[in-house]
Amino acid sequence: MCDFQKGGPSETSPNKRRHQLGALIDGCVASNNQLNTLNTLGQSRERTRNLDT
């Protein structure tokens, strides 16, 4: 899901590189949060289904 290999040897400026990595990490955190939210929703749905039976 998260590709940390972006920005090859052509990236000479360390600041630019760091900025790209920061943006990548932010993106990863965001997508992980979305996944966690989906998982939580799925679990609560399972729980209510168990209560119904």
N, C-alpha and C. Protein backbone atom coordinates (compact mmCIF):
# COMPACT_ATOMS: atom_id res chain seq x y z
N MET A 1 0.83 -1.20 0.00
CA MET A 1 0.00 0.00 0.00
C MET A 1 0.87 1.26 0.00
N CYS A 2 1.91 1.25 0.81
CA CYS A 2 2.79 2.42 0.89
C CYS A 2 4.11 2.13 0.17
N ASP A 3 4.43 2.95 -0.81
CA ASP A 3 5.65 2.74 -1.59
C ASP A 3 6.70 3.75 -1.18
N PHE A 4 7.68 3.32 -0.39
CA PHE A 4 8.73 4.23 0.06
C PHE A 4 9.88 4.30 -0.93
N GLN A 5 9.79 3.58 -2.04
CA GLN A 5 10.89 3.55 -3.00
C GLN A 5 10.76 4.67 -4.05
N LYS A 6 9.75 5.52 -3.94
CA LYS A 6 9.57 6.60 -4.93
C LYS A 6 10.71 7.60 -4.85
N GLY A 7 10.95 8.27 -5.97
CA GLY A 7 12.02 9.26 -6.01
C GLY A 7 13.37 8.60 -6.09
N GLY A 8 13.84 8.37 -7.31
CA GLY A 8 15.07 7.62 -7.51
C GLY A 8 16.31 8.45 -7.32
N PRO A 9 17.44 8.00 -7.88
CA PRO A 9 18.72 8.70 -7.75
C PRO A 9 18.69 10.11 -8.34
N SER A 10 17.72 10.39 -9.22
CA SER A 10 17.65 11.71 -9.84
C SER A 10 17.29 12.78 -8.82
N GLU A 11 16.72 12.36 -7.68
CA GLU A 11 16.37 13.32 -6.62
C GLU A 11 17.64 13.73 -5.89
N THR A 12 18.16 14.92 -6.22
CA THR A 12 19.44 15.32 -5.63
C THR A 12 19.22 16.14 -4.36
N SER A 13 18.17 16.95 -4.31
CA SER A 13 17.96 17.81 -3.16
C SER A 13 17.40 17.03 -1.98
N PRO A 14 18.16 16.97 -0.86
CA PRO A 14 17.69 16.22 0.31
C PRO A 14 16.39 16.79 0.88
N ASN A 15 16.22 18.12 0.81
CA ASN A 15 15.00 18.73 1.31
C ASN A 15 13.79 18.27 0.51
N LYS A 16 13.95 18.24 -0.81
CA LYS A 16 12.86 17.80 -1.67
C LYS A 16 12.54 16.34 -1.35
N ARG A 17 13.59 15.56 -1.19
CA ARG A 17 13.44 14.14 -0.87
C ARG A 17 12.69 13.97 0.46
N ARG A 18 13.10 14.73 1.45
CA ARG A 18 12.48 14.64 2.78
C ARG A 18 11.01 15.03 2.69
N HIS A 19 10.73 16.08 1.90
CA HIS A 19 9.35 16.53 1.75
C HIS A 19 8.49 15.43 1.12
N GLN A 20 9.04 14.77 0.10
CA GLN A 20 8.33 13.68 -0.56
C GLN A 20 8.06 12.54 0.42
N LEU A 21 9.06 12.19 1.20
CA LEU A 21 8.91 11.12 2.20
C LEU A 21 7.85 11.50 3.22
N GLY A 22 7.88 12.75 3.66
CA GLY A 22 6.89 13.23 4.63
C GLY A 22 5.48 13.09 4.07
N ALA A 23 5.32 13.49 2.81
CA ALA A 23 4.01 13.39 2.17
C ALA A 23 3.59 11.93 2.04
N LEU A 24 4.54 11.08 1.69
CA LEU A 24 4.27 9.64 1.56
C LEU A 24 3.81 9.07 2.90
N ILE A 25 4.54 9.41 3.95
CA ILE A 25 4.21 8.89 5.29
C ILE A 25 2.83 9.39 5.71
N ASP A 26 2.55 10.66 5.45
CA ASP A 26 1.22 11.21 5.77
C ASP A 26 0.15 10.42 5.03
N GLY A 27 0.42 10.13 3.76
CA GLY A 27 -0.53 9.36 2.97
C GLY A 27 -0.74 7.97 3.55
N CYS A 28 0.34 7.36 4.01
CA CYS A 28 0.25 6.01 4.59
C CYS A 28 -0.55 6.05 5.88
N VAL A 29 -0.30 7.05 6.70
CA VAL A 29 -1.03 7.17 7.97
C VAL A 29 -2.52 7.35 7.67
N ALA A 30 -2.81 8.19 6.67
CA ALA A 30 -4.21 8.43 6.32
C ALA A 30 -4.89 7.16 5.85
N SER A 31 -4.21 6.41 4.98
CA SER A 31 -4.84 5.20 4.46
C SER A 31 -4.96 4.14 5.56
N ASN A 32 -3.99 4.10 6.48
CA ASN A 32 -4.09 3.17 7.61
C ASN A 32 -5.28 3.53 8.50
N ASN A 33 -5.49 4.83 8.71
CA ASN A 33 -6.62 5.27 9.52
C ASN A 33 -7.93 4.86 8.86
N GLN A 34 -7.99 5.00 7.52
CA GLN A 34 -9.19 4.59 6.80
C GLN A 34 -9.43 3.10 6.98
N LEU A 35 -8.36 2.32 6.86
CA LEU A 35 -8.47 0.87 7.04
C LEU A 35 -8.96 0.53 8.44
N ASN A 36 -8.39 1.19 9.45
CA ASN A 36 -8.80 0.94 10.83
C ASN A 36 -10.27 1.26 11.02
N THR A 37 -10.72 2.37 10.42
CA THR A 37 -12.13 2.75 10.53
C THR A 37 -13.00 1.68 9.89
N LEU A 38 -12.61 1.21 8.71
CA LEU A 38 -13.37 0.16 8.03
C LEU A 38 -13.41 -1.10 8.88
N ASN A 39 -12.28 -1.47 9.45
CA ASN A 39 -12.22 -2.67 10.30
C ASN A 39 -13.14 -2.53 11.49
N THR A 40 -13.11 -1.35 12.13
CA THR A 40 -13.96 -1.11 13.30
C THR A 40 -15.42 -1.21 12.91
N LEU A 41 -15.77 -0.62 11.76
CA LEU A 41 -17.16 -0.70 11.28
C LEU A 41 -17.55 -2.15 11.06
N GLY A 42 -16.67 -2.91 10.44
CA GLY A 42 -16.94 -4.32 10.18
C GLY A 42 -17.14 -5.10 11.47
N GLN A 43 -16.31 -4.80 12.47
CA GLN A 43 -16.40 -5.51 13.75
C GLN A 43 -17.70 -5.18 14.47
N SER A 44 -18.11 -3.92 14.46
CA SER A 44 -19.34 -3.57 15.16
C SER A 44 -20.54 -4.17 14.43
N ARG A 45 -20.44 -4.27 13.10
CA ARG A 45 -21.51 -4.90 12.34
C ARG A 45 -21.61 -6.38 12.72
N GLU A 46 -20.45 -7.02 12.86
CA GLU A 46 -20.42 -8.43 13.28
C GLU A 46 -21.06 -8.56 14.66
N ARG A 47 -20.73 -7.65 15.55
CA ARG A 47 -21.23 -7.70 16.92
C ARG A 47 -22.76 -7.60 16.94
N THR A 48 -23.30 -6.66 16.16
CA THR A 48 -24.76 -6.51 16.15
C THR A 48 -25.40 -7.75 15.53
N ARG A 49 -24.75 -8.34 14.55
CA ARG A 49 -25.30 -9.55 13.93
C ARG A 49 -25.35 -10.67 14.96
N ASN A 50 -24.31 -10.75 15.81
CA ASN A 50 -24.27 -11.78 16.85
C ASN A 50 -25.37 -11.55 17.88
N LEU A 51 -25.67 -10.29 18.17
CA LEU A 51 -26.72 -9.98 19.13
C LEU A 51 -28.10 -10.38 18.57
N ASP A 52 -28.25 -10.24 17.27
CA ASP A 52 -29.55 -10.56 16.65
C ASP A 52 -29.88 -12.04 16.77
N THR A 53 -28.88 -12.90 16.66
CA THR A 53 -29.16 -14.34 16.64
C THR A 53 -29.48 -14.87 18.03
